[in-house]
């Protein structure tokens, strides 16, 4: 049965990777997503929302980061993104690309 599930997962991962989306079977987060989220939690302890998604089809080459933090208050979007880039400077060296979405918590 496990072999069947593995084959089905592999099939769907290959099919969805064509569209830049990964179908996750038997797992909720990749190691890369967890590692990046931990770095961002440490660098932005006031973050009220954080989501890291491997958008490379599971190979860890490209990620999308959504982070909401009061630490971005008073900063332009480009400055917010620079802070995230700086926090992930070591991880970025191993990536093909990174999409960053930042926001300030609504009052």
PDB file of N, CA and C in Angstrom:
ATOM      1  N   UNK A   1       0.823  -1.196   0.000  1.00  0.00           N
ATOM      2  CA  UNK A   1       0.000   0.000   0.000  1.00  0.00           C
ATOM      3  C   UNK A   1       0.863   1.255   0.000  1.00  0.00           C
ATOM      4  N   UNK A   2       1.913   1.273   0.828  1.00  0.00           N
ATOM      5  CA  UNK A   2       2.777   2.446   0.887  1.00  0.00           C
ATOM      6  C   UNK A   2       3.440   2.703  -0.457  1.00  0.00           C
ATOM      7  N   UNK A   3       3.827   1.628  -1.149  1.00  0.00           N
ATOM      8  CA  UNK A   3       4.444   1.779  -2.471  1.00  0.00           C
ATOM      9  C   UNK A   3       3.458   2.451  -3.426  1.00  0.00           C
ATOM     10  N   UNK A   4       2.191   2.068  -3.367  1.00  0.00           N
ATOM     11  CA  UNK A   4       1.162   2.670  -4.210  1.00  0.00           C
ATOM     12  C   UNK A   4       1.027   4.156  -3.906  1.00  0.00           C
ATOM     13  N   UNK A   5       0.948   4.513  -2.624  1.00  0.00           N
ATOM     14  CA  UNK A   5       0.832   5.913  -2.221  1.00  0.00           C
ATOM     15  C   UNK A   5       2.045   6.697  -2.697  1.00  0.00           C
ATOM     16  N   UNK A   6       3.236   6.135  -2.550  1.00  0.00           N
ATOM     17  CA  UNK A   6       4.457   6.802  -2.992  1.00  0.00           C
ATOM     18  C   UNK A   6       4.422   7.036  -4.495  1.00  0.00           C
ATOM     19  N   UNK A   7       3.990   6.044  -5.257  1.00  0.00           N
ATOM     20  CA  UNK A   7       3.907   6.197  -6.707  1.00  0.00           C
ATOM     21  C   UNK A   7       2.882   7.249  -7.099  1.00  0.00           C
ATOM     22  N   UNK A   8       1.741   7.266  -6.426  1.00  0.00           N
ATOM     23  CA  UNK A   8       0.714   8.269  -6.701  1.00  0.00           C
ATOM     24  C   UNK A   8       1.243   9.655  -6.370  1.00  0.00           C
ATOM     25  N   UNK A   9       1.921   9.790  -5.234  1.00  0.00           N
ATOM     26  CA  UNK A   9       2.491  11.078  -4.846  1.00  0.00           C
ATOM     27  C   UNK A   9       3.507  11.542  -5.885  1.00  0.00           C
ATOM     28  N   UNK A  10       4.378  10.661  -6.309  1.00  0.00           N
ATOM     29  CA  UNK A  10       5.390  11.010  -7.302  1.00  0.00           C
ATOM     30  C   UNK A  10       4.721  11.460  -8.593  1.00  0.00           C
ATOM     31  N   UNK A  11       3.688  10.754  -9.020  1.00  0.00           N
ATOM     32  CA  UNK A  11       2.961  11.106 -10.240  1.00  0.00           C
ATOM     33  C   UNK A  11       2.382  12.513 -10.131  1.00  0.00           C
ATOM     34  N   UNK A  12       1.683  12.804  -9.032  1.00  0.00           N
ATOM     35  CA  UNK A  12       1.066  14.114  -8.880  1.00  0.00           C
ATOM     36  C   UNK A  12       2.101  15.212  -8.696  1.00  0.00           C
ATOM     37  N   UNK A  13       3.201  14.933  -8.012  1.00  0.00           N
ATOM     38  CA  UNK A  13       4.255  15.928  -7.863  1.00  0.00           C
ATOM     39  C   UNK A  13       4.830  16.288  -9.223  1.00  0.00           C
ATOM     40  N   UNK A  14       5.030  15.306 -10.078  1.00  0.00           N
ATOM     41  CA  UNK A  14       5.548  15.573 -11.414  1.00  0.00           C
ATOM     42  C   UNK A  14       4.539  16.366 -12.227  1.00  0.00           C
ATOM     43  N   UNK A  15       3.268  16.011 -12.133  1.00  0.00           N
ATOM     44  CA  UNK A  15       2.233  16.715 -12.903  1.00  0.00           C
ATOM     45  C   UNK A  15       2.064  18.146 -12.426  1.00  0.00           C
ATOM     46  N   UNK A  16       2.079  18.380 -11.118  1.00  0.00           N
ATOM     47  CA  UNK A  16       1.853  19.724 -10.607  1.00  0.00           C
ATOM     48  C   UNK A  16       3.102  20.576 -10.680  1.00  0.00           C
ATOM     49  N   UNK A  17       4.280  19.989 -10.714  1.00  0.00           N
ATOM     50  CA  UNK A  17       5.513  20.768 -10.820  1.00  0.00           C
ATOM     51  C   UNK A  17       5.546  21.535 -12.129  1.00  0.00           C
ATOM     52  N   UNK A  18       4.875  21.026 -13.140  1.00  0.00           N
ATOM     53  CA  UNK A  18       4.804  21.711 -14.427  1.00  0.00           C
ATOM     54  C   UNK A  18       4.181  23.087 -14.249  1.00  0.00           C
ATOM     55  N   UNK A  19       3.244  23.205 -13.364  1.00  0.00           N
ATOM     56  CA  UNK A  19       2.543  24.460 -13.127  1.00  0.00           C
ATOM     57  C   UNK A  19       3.146  25.259 -11.978  1.00  0.00           C
ATOM     58  N   UNK A  20       4.294  24.864 -11.493  1.00  0.00           N
ATOM     59  CA  UNK A  20       4.964  25.584 -10.420  1.00  0.00           C
ATOM     60  C   UNK A  20       4.355  25.370  -9.050  1.00  0.00           C
ATOM     61  N   UNK A  21       3.556  24.345  -8.913  1.00  0.00           N
ATOM     62  CA  UNK A  21       2.929  24.069  -7.632  1.00  0.00           C
ATOM     63  C   UNK A  21       3.295  22.663  -7.197  1.00  0.00           C
ATOM     64  N   UNK A  22       3.512  22.498  -5.939  1.00  0.00           N
ATOM     65  CA  UNK A  22       3.847  21.159  -5.434  1.00  0.00           C
ATOM     66  C   UNK A  22       2.660  20.592  -4.677  1.00  0.00           C
ATOM     67  N   UNK A  23       2.319  19.382  -4.978  1.00  0.00           N
ATOM     68  CA  UNK A  23       1.309  18.673  -4.204  1.00  0.00           C
ATOM     69  C   UNK A  23       2.031  17.909  -3.118  1.00  0.00           C
ATOM     70  N   UNK A  24       1.679  18.163  -1.885  1.00  0.00           N
ATOM     71  CA  UNK A  24       2.361  17.498  -0.789  1.00  0.00           C
ATOM     72  C   UNK A  24       1.604  16.251  -0.394  1.00  0.00           C
ATOM     73  N   UNK A  25       2.295  15.157  -0.351  1.00  0.00           N
ATOM     74  CA  UNK A  25       1.717  13.887   0.088  1.00  0.00           C
ATOM     75  C   UNK A  25       2.435  13.463   1.358  1.00  0.00           C
ATOM     76  N   UNK A  26       1.697  13.170   2.396  1.00  0.00           N
ATOM     77  CA  UNK A  26       2.234  12.642   3.648  1.00  0.00           C
ATOM     78  C   UNK A  26       3.087  13.642   4.418  1.00  0.00           C
ATOM     79  N   UNK A  27       3.118  14.913   4.034  1.00  0.00           N
ATOM     80  CA  UNK A  27       3.953  15.890   4.725  1.00  0.00           C
ATOM     81  C   UNK A  27       3.298  17.257   4.639  1.00  0.00           C
ATOM     82  N   UNK A  28       3.501  18.072   5.681  1.00  0.00           N
ATOM     83  CA  UNK A  28       2.922  19.404   5.652  1.00  0.00           C
ATOM     84  C   UNK A  28       3.954  20.470   5.324  1.00  0.00           C
ATOM     85  N   UNK A  29       5.196  20.299   5.723  1.00  0.00           N
ATOM     86  CA  UNK A  29       6.251  21.268   5.441  1.00  0.00           C
ATOM     87  C   UNK A  29       7.537  20.546   5.079  1.00  0.00           C
ATOM     88  N   UNK A  30       8.288  21.169   4.161  1.00  0.00           N
ATOM     89  CA  UNK A  30       9.590  20.608   3.808  1.00  0.00           C
ATOM     90  C   UNK A  30      10.622  21.062   4.839  1.00  0.00           C
ATOM     91  N   UNK A  31      11.770  20.418   4.847  1.00  0.00           N
ATOM     92  CA  UNK A  31      12.850  20.826   5.755  1.00  0.00           C
ATOM     93  C   UNK A  31      13.258  22.265   5.484  1.00  0.00           C
ATOM     94  N   UNK A  32      13.314  22.639   4.215  1.00  0.00           N
ATOM     95  CA  UNK A  32      13.686  24.003   3.847  1.00  0.00           C
ATOM     96  C   UNK A  32      12.699  25.025   4.371  1.00  0.00           C
ATOM     97  N   UNK A  33      11.414  24.734   4.264  1.00  0.00           N
ATOM     98  CA  UNK A  33      10.390  25.643   4.778  1.00  0.00           C
ATOM     99  C   UNK A  33      10.540  25.826   6.283  1.00  0.00           C
ATOM    100  N   UNK A  34      10.775  24.734   6.979  1.00  0.00           N
ATOM    101  CA  UNK A  34      10.935  24.791   8.436  1.00  0.00           C
ATOM    102  C   UNK A  34      12.175  25.602   8.806  1.00  0.00           C
ATOM    103  N   UNK A  35      13.282  25.359   8.106  1.00  0.00           N
ATOM    104  CA  UNK A  35      14.537  26.069   8.389  1.00  0.00           C
ATOM    105  C   UNK A  35      14.365  27.576   8.169  1.00  0.00           C
ATOM    106  N   UNK A  36      13.768  27.959   7.045  1.00  0.00           N
ATOM    107  CA  UNK A  36      13.572  29.378   6.735  1.00  0.00           C
ATOM    108  C   UNK A  36      12.620  30.012   7.739  1.00  0.00           C
ATOM    109  N   UNK A  37      11.540  29.327   8.082  1.00  0.00           N
ATOM    110  CA  UNK A  37      10.588  29.852   9.063  1.00  0.00           C
ATOM    111  C   UNK A  37      11.259  30.065  10.414  1.00  0.00           C
ATOM    112  N   UNK A  38      12.113  29.145  10.828  1.00  0.00           N
ATOM    113  CA  UNK A  38      12.814  29.295  12.107  1.00  0.00           C
ATOM    114  C   UNK A  38      13.744  30.499  12.102  1.00  0.00           C
ATOM    115  N   UNK A  39      14.439  30.721  11.000  1.00  0.00           N
ATOM    116  CA  UNK A  39      15.324  31.889  10.897  1.00  0.00           C
ATOM    117  C   UNK A  39      14.499  33.168  10.998  1.00  0.00           C
ATOM    118  N   UNK A  40      13.382  33.213  10.285  1.00  0.00           N
ATOM    119  CA  UNK A  40      12.547  34.415  10.298  1.00  0.00           C
ATOM    120  C   UNK A  40      11.893  34.640  11.658  1.00  0.00           C
ATOM    121  N   UNK A  41      11.500  33.571  12.348  1.00  0.00           N
ATOM    122  CA  UNK A  41      10.933  33.714  13.697  1.00  0.00           C
ATOM    123  C   UNK A  41      11.957  34.305  14.654  1.00  0.00           C
ATOM    124  N   UNK A  42      13.214  33.904  14.481  1.00  0.00           N
ATOM    125  CA  UNK A  42      14.283  34.425  15.334  1.00  0.00           C
ATOM    126  C   UNK A  42      14.575  35.890  15.015  1.00  0.00           C
ATOM    127  N   UNK A  43      14.587  36.244  13.749  1.00  0.00           N
ATOM    128  CA  UNK A  43      14.919  37.615  13.330  1.00  0.00           C
ATOM    129  C   UNK A  43      13.756  38.581  13.501  1.00  0.00           C
ATOM    130  N   UNK A  44      12.530  38.062  13.442  1.00  0.00           N
ATOM    131  CA  UNK A  44      11.336  38.899  13.574  1.00  0.00           C
ATOM    132  C   UNK A  44      10.438  38.332  14.671  1.00  0.00           C
ATOM    133  N   UNK A  45      10.848  38.476  15.934  1.00  0.00           N
ATOM    134  CA  UNK A  45      10.081  37.874  17.035  1.00  0.00           C
ATOM    135  C   UNK A  45       8.683  38.473  17.212  1.00  0.00           C
ATOM    136  N   UNK A  46       8.441  39.655  16.657  1.00  0.00           N
ATOM    137  CA  UNK A  46       7.128  40.284  16.779  1.00  0.00           C
ATOM    138  C   UNK A  46       6.198  39.936  15.619  1.00  0.00           C
ATOM    139  N   UNK A  47       6.615  39.047  14.752  1.00  0.00           N
ATOM    140  CA  UNK A  47       5.789  38.678  13.594  1.00  0.00           C
ATOM    141  C   UNK A  47       4.465  38.070  14.062  1.00  0.00           C
ATOM    142  N   UNK A  48       3.368  38.621  13.555  1.00  0.00           N
ATOM    143  CA  UNK A  48       2.047  38.107  13.919  1.00  0.00           C
ATOM    144  C   UNK A  48       1.570  37.042  12.936  1.00  0.00           C
ATOM    145  N   UNK A  49       2.219  36.977  11.790  1.00  0.00           N
ATOM    146  CA  UNK A  49       1.873  35.978  10.785  1.00  0.00           C
ATOM    147  C   UNK A  49       3.119  35.646   9.972  1.00  0.00           C
ATOM    148  N   UNK A  50       3.327  34.359   9.709  1.00  0.00           N
ATOM    149  CA  UNK A  50       4.488  33.919   8.938  1.00  0.00           C
ATOM    150  C   UNK A  50       4.130  32.653   8.173  1.00  0.00           C
ATOM    151  N   UNK A  51       4.394  32.683   6.876  1.00  0.00           N
ATOM    152  CA  UNK A  51       4.143  31.513   6.033  1.00  0.00           C
ATOM    153  C   UNK A  51       5.289  31.391   5.045  1.00  0.00           C
ATOM    154  N   UNK A  52       5.880  30.209   4.964  1.00  0.00           N
ATOM    155  CA  UNK A  52       6.961  29.917   4.026  1.00  0.00           C
ATOM    156  C   UNK A  52       6.511  28.747   3.162  1.00  0.00           C
ATOM    157  N   UNK A  53       6.600  28.912   1.841  1.00  0.00           N
ATOM    158  CA  UNK A  53       6.153  27.878   0.913  1.00  0.00           C
ATOM    159  C   UNK A  53       7.252  27.598  -0.105  1.00  0.00           C
ATOM    160  N   UNK A  54       7.574  26.323  -0.266  1.00  0.00           N
ATOM    161  CA  UNK A  54       8.510  25.889  -1.310  1.00  0.00           C
ATOM    162  C   UNK A  54       7.720  25.853  -2.616  1.00  0.00           C
ATOM    163  N   UNK A  55       7.996  26.796  -3.521  1.00  0.00           N
ATOM    164  CA  UNK A  55       7.254  26.879  -4.781  1.00  0.00           C
ATOM    165  C   UNK A  55       8.053  26.299  -5.944  1.00  0.00           C
ATOM    166  N   UNK A  56       9.077  25.524  -5.621  1.00  0.00           N
ATOM    167  CA  UNK A  56       9.931  24.942  -6.659  1.00  0.00           C
ATOM    168  C   UNK A  56       9.507  23.531  -7.037  1.00  0.00           C
ATOM    169  N   UNK A  57       8.413  23.069  -6.483  1.00  0.00           N
ATOM    170  CA  UNK A  57       8.005  21.696  -6.744  1.00  0.00           C
ATOM    171  C   UNK A  57       8.611  20.722  -5.762  1.00  0.00           C
ATOM    172  N   UNK A  58       9.196  21.247  -4.687  1.00  0.00           N
ATOM    173  CA  UNK A  58       9.737  20.393  -3.638  1.00  0.00           C
ATOM    174  C   UNK A  58      11.238  20.246  -3.622  1.00  0.00           C
ATOM    175  N   UNK A  59      11.938  20.841  -4.594  1.00  0.00           N
ATOM    176  CA  UNK A  59      13.395  20.668  -4.634  1.00  0.00           C
ATOM    177  C   UNK A  59      14.137  21.708  -3.787  1.00  0.00           C
ATOM    178  N   UNK A  60      13.437  22.721  -3.275  1.00  0.00           N
ATOM    179  CA  UNK A  60      14.067  23.691  -2.394  1.00  0.00           C
ATOM    180  C   UNK A  60      14.816  24.797  -3.098  1.00  0.00           C
ATOM    181  N   UNK A  61      14.542  25.014  -4.381  1.00  0.00           N
ATOM    182  CA  UNK A  61      15.269  26.036  -5.128  1.00  0.00           C
ATOM    183  C   UNK A  61      14.588  27.399  -5.091  1.00  0.00           C
ATOM    184  N   UNK A  62      13.289  27.432  -4.809  1.00  0.00           N
ATOM    185  CA  UNK A  62      12.578  28.708  -4.794  1.00  0.00           C
ATOM    186  C   UNK A  62      11.509  28.688  -3.706  1.00  0.00           C
ATOM    187  N   UNK A  63      11.440  29.793  -2.980  1.00  0.00           N
ATOM    188  CA  UNK A  63      10.502  29.900  -1.864  1.00  0.00           C
ATOM    189  C   UNK A  63       9.688  31.178  -1.973  1.00  0.00           C
ATOM    190  N   UNK A  64       8.540  31.143  -1.311  1.00  0.00           N
ATOM    191  CA  UNK A  64       7.691  32.315  -1.179  1.00  0.00           C
ATOM    192  C   UNK A  64       7.500  32.548   0.317  1.00  0.00           C
ATOM    193  N   UNK A  65       7.735  33.773   0.754  1.00  0.00           N
ATOM    194  CA  UNK A  65       7.639  34.128   2.167  1.00  0.00           C
ATOM    195  C   UNK A  65       6.569  35.200   2.335  1.00  0.00           C
ATOM    196  N   UNK A  66       5.640  34.953   3.240  1.00  0.00           N
ATOM    197  CA  UNK A  66       4.632  35.941   3.632  1.00  0.00           C
ATOM    198  C   UNK A  66       4.875  36.212   5.111  1.00  0.00           C
ATOM    199  N   UNK A  67       5.150  37.472   5.438  1.00  0.00           N
ATOM    200  CA  UNK A  67       5.412  37.798   6.842  1.00  0.00           C
ATOM    201  C   UNK A  67       4.737  39.121   7.188  1.00  0.00           C
ATOM    202  N   UNK A  68       4.060  39.118   8.323  1.00  0.00           N
ATOM    203  CA  UNK A  68       3.395  40.309   8.839  1.00  0.00           C
ATOM    204  C   UNK A  68       4.002  40.614  10.200  1.00  0.00           C
ATOM    205  N   UNK A  69       4.536  41.831  10.340  1.00  0.00           N
ATOM    206  CA  UNK A  69       5.194  42.184  11.595  1.00  0.00           C
ATOM    207  C   UNK A  69       5.115  43.683  11.843  1.00  0.00           C
ATOM    208  N   UNK A  70       4.916  44.040  13.094  1.00  0.00           N
ATOM    209  CA  UNK A  70       4.927  45.458  13.469  1.00  0.00           C
ATOM    210  C   UNK A  70       6.325  46.053  13.319  1.00  0.00           C
ATOM    211  N   UNK A  71       7.333  45.194  13.194  1.00  0.00           N
ATOM    212  CA  UNK A  71       8.705  45.666  12.992  1.00  0.00           C
ATOM    213  C   UNK A  71       8.875  46.356  11.638  1.00  0.00           C
ATOM    214  N   UNK A  72       7.918  46.181  10.735  1.00  0.00           N
ATOM    215  CA  UNK A  72       7.964  46.828   9.423  1.00  0.00           C
ATOM    216  C   UNK A  72       7.305  48.204   9.441  1.00  0.00           C
ATOM    217  N   UNK A  73       6.688  48.555  10.555  1.00  0.00           N
ATOM    218  CA  UNK A  73       5.974  49.819  10.660  1.00  0.00           C
ATOM    219  C   UNK A  73       6.905  50.997  10.369  1.00  0.00           C
ATOM    220  N   UNK A  74       6.429  51.916   9.521  1.00  0.00           N
ATOM    221  CA  UNK A  74       7.205  53.106   9.180  1.00  0.00           C
ATOM    222  C   UNK A  74       8.249  52.880   8.099  1.00  0.00           C
ATOM    223  N   UNK A  75       8.339  51.677   7.588  1.00  0.00           N
ATOM    224  CA  UNK A  75       9.324  51.359   6.545  1.00  0.00           C
ATOM    225  C   UNK A  75       8.608  51.153   5.212  1.00  0.00           C
ATOM    226  N   UNK A  76       9.253  51.596   4.139  1.00  0.00           N
ATOM    227  CA  UNK A  76       8.718  51.363   2.807  1.00  0.00           C
ATOM    228  C   UNK A  76       8.841  49.874   2.472  1.00  0.00           C
ATOM    229  N   UNK A  77       8.083  49.441   1.497  1.00  0.00           N
ATOM    230  CA  UNK A  77       8.089  48.025   1.107  1.00  0.00           C
ATOM    231  C   UNK A  77       9.490  47.548   0.774  1.00  0.00           C
ATOM    232  N   UNK A  78      10.236  48.341   0.027  1.00  0.00           N
ATOM    233  CA  UNK A  78      11.595  47.929  -0.349  1.00  0.00           C
ATOM    234  C   UNK A  78      12.475  47.751   0.892  1.00  0.00           C
ATOM    235  N   UNK A  79      12.288  48.588   1.901  1.00  0.00           N
ATOM    236  CA  UNK A  79      13.058  48.454   3.146  1.00  0.00           C
ATOM    237  C   UNK A  79      12.640  47.195   3.910  1.00  0.00           C
ATOM    238  N   UNK A  80      11.348  46.893   3.901  1.00  0.00           N
ATOM    239  CA  UNK A  80      10.860  45.673   4.548  1.00  0.00           C
ATOM    240  C   UNK A  80      11.479  44.444   3.886  1.00  0.00           C
ATOM    241  N   UNK A  81      11.505  44.446   2.555  1.00  0.00           N
ATOM    242  CA  UNK A  81      12.068  43.318   1.813  1.00  0.00           C
ATOM    243  C   UNK A  81      13.571  43.202   2.036  1.00  0.00           C
ATOM    244  N   UNK A  82      14.245  44.331   2.174  1.00  0.00           N
ATOM    245  CA  UNK A  82      15.683  44.304   2.470  1.00  0.00           C
ATOM    246  C   UNK A  82      15.943  43.649   3.821  1.00  0.00           C
ATOM    247  N   UNK A  83      15.096  43.916   4.799  1.00  0.00           N
ATOM    248  CA  UNK A  83      15.242  43.292   6.116  1.00  0.00           C
ATOM    249  C   UNK A  83      15.095  41.769   6.023  1.00  0.00           C
ATOM    250  N   UNK A  84      14.124  41.319   5.241  1.00  0.00           N
ATOM    251  CA  UNK A  84      13.919  39.877   5.070  1.00  0.00           C
ATOM    252  C   UNK A  84      15.109  39.267   4.329  1.00  0.00           C
ATOM    253  N   UNK A  85      15.555  39.936   3.264  1.00  0.00           N
ATOM    254  CA  UNK A  85      16.727  39.452   2.520  1.00  0.00           C
ATOM    255  C   UNK A  85      17.945  39.344   3.424  1.00  0.00           C
ATOM    256  N   UNK A  86      18.155  40.339   4.256  1.00  0.00           N
ATOM    257  CA  UNK A  86      19.304  40.327   5.171  1.00  0.00           C
ATOM    258  C   UNK A  86      19.185  39.176   6.173  1.00  0.00           C
ATOM    259  N   UNK A  87      17.980  38.951   6.671  1.00  0.00           N
ATOM    260  CA  UNK A  87      17.765  37.860   7.631  1.00  0.00           C
ATOM    261  C   UNK A  87      18.049  36.499   6.998  1.00  0.00           C
ATOM    262  N   UNK A  88      17.788  36.377   5.700  1.00  0.00           N
ATOM    263  CA  UNK A  88      17.939  35.090   5.007  1.00  0.00           C
ATOM    264  C   UNK A  88      19.181  35.032   4.124  1.00  0.00           C
ATOM    265  N   UNK A  89      20.153  35.912   4.370  1.00  0.00           N
ATOM    266  CA  UNK A  89      21.315  36.002   3.468  1.00  0.00           C
ATOM    267  C   UNK A  89      22.040  34.668   3.292  1.00  0.00           C
ATOM    268  N   UNK A  90      22.180  33.881   4.337  1.00  0.00           N
ATOM    269  CA  UNK A  90      22.864  32.588   4.213  1.00  0.00           C
ATOM    270  C   UNK A  90      22.019  31.584   3.426  1.00  0.00           C
ATOM    271  N   UNK A  91      20.710  31.572   3.678  1.00  0.00           N
ATOM    272  CA  UNK A  91      19.817  30.639   2.997  1.00  0.00           C
ATOM    273  C   UNK A  91      19.670  30.993   1.516  1.00  0.00           C
ATOM    274  N   UNK A  92      19.684  32.289   1.198  1.00  0.00           N
ATOM    275  CA  UNK A  92      19.507  32.750  -0.181  1.00  0.00           C
ATOM    276  C   UNK A  92      20.619  32.236  -1.087  1.00  0.00           C
ATOM    277  N   UNK A  93      21.797  32.040  -0.547  1.00  0.00           N
ATOM    278  CA  UNK A  93      22.917  31.552  -1.355  1.00  0.00           C
ATOM    279  C   UNK A  93      22.630  30.183  -1.961  1.00  0.00           C
ATOM    280  N   UNK A  94      21.752  29.411  -1.327  1.00  0.00           N
ATOM    281  CA  UNK A  94      21.425  28.064  -1.806  1.00  0.00           C
ATOM    282  C   UNK A  94      20.169  28.040  -2.679  1.00  0.00           C
ATOM    283  N   UNK A  95      19.532  29.191  -2.871  1.00  0.00           N
ATOM    284  CA  UNK A  95      18.257  29.255  -3.592  1.00  0.00           C
ATOM    285  C   UNK A  95      18.437  29.744  -5.018  1.00  0.00           C
ATOM    286  N   UNK A  96      17.428  29.438  -5.820  1.00  0.00           N
ATOM    287  CA  UNK A  96      17.339  29.985  -7.172  1.00  0.00           C
ATOM    288  C   UNK A  96      16.585  31.313  -7.124  1.00  0.00           C
ATOM    289  N   UNK A  97      15.602  31.410  -6.239  1.00  0.00           N
ATOM    290  CA  UNK A  97      14.805  32.621  -6.152  1.00  0.00           C
ATOM    291  C   UNK A  97      14.001  32.681  -4.870  1.00  0.00           C
ATOM    292  N   UNK A  98      13.524  33.902  -4.572  1.00  0.00           N
ATOM    293  CA  UNK A  98      12.755  34.138  -3.356  1.00  0.00           C
ATOM    294  C   UNK A  98      11.720  35.212  -3.638  1.00  0.00           C
ATOM    295  N   UNK A  99      10.460  34.908  -3.364  1.00  0.00           N
ATOM    296  CA  UNK A  99       9.385  35.898  -3.451  1.00  0.00           C
ATOM    297  C   UNK A  99       9.067  36.338  -2.033  1.00  0.00           C
ATOM    298  N   UNK A 100       8.992  37.636  -1.830  1.00  0.00           N
ATOM    299  CA  UNK A 100       8.748  38.169  -0.487  1.00  0.00           C
ATOM    300  C   UNK A 100       7.484  39.019  -0.502  1.00  0.00           C
ATOM    301  N   UNK A 101       6.612  38.756   0.455  1.00  0.00           N
ATOM    302  CA  UNK A 101       5.409  39.548   0.671  1.00  0.00           C
ATOM    303  C   UNK A 101       5.416  39.967   2.137  1.00  0.00           C
ATOM    304  N   UNK A 102       5.454  41.268   2.389  1.00  0.00           N
ATOM    305  CA  UNK A 102       5.475  41.774   3.763  1.00  0.00           C
ATOM    306  C   UNK A 102       4.244  42.631   4.005  1.00  0.00           C
ATOM    307  N   UNK A 103       3.882  42.743   5.271  1.00  0.00           N
ATOM    308  CA  UNK A 103       2.742  43.566   5.647  1.00  0.00           C
ATOM    309  C   UNK A 103       2.890  43.976   7.101  1.00  0.00           C
ATOM    310  N   UNK A 104       2.118  44.977   7.460  1.00  0.00           N
ATOM    311  CA  UNK A 104       2.068  45.469   8.839  1.00  0.00           C
ATOM    312  C   UNK A 104       0.710  45.045   9.402  1.00  0.00           C
ATOM    313  N   UNK A 105       0.652  44.555  10.640  1.00  0.00           N
ATOM    314  CA  UNK A 105      -0.636  44.128  11.210  1.00  0.00           C
ATOM    315  C   UNK A 105      -1.660  45.263  11.198  1.00  0.00           C
ATOM    316  N   UNK A 106      -2.883  44.912  10.866  1.00  0.00           N
ATOM    317  CA  UNK A 106      -3.978  45.892  10.858  1.00  0.00           C
ATOM    318  C   UNK A 106      -4.447  46.097  12.289  1.00  0.00           C
ATOM    319  N   UNK A 107      -4.719  47.327  12.623  1.00  0.00           N
ATOM    320  CA  UNK A 107      -5.162  47.663  13.983  1.00  0.00           C
ATOM    321  C   UNK A 107      -6.635  47.460  14.142  1.00  0.00           C
TER     322      UNK A 107
END
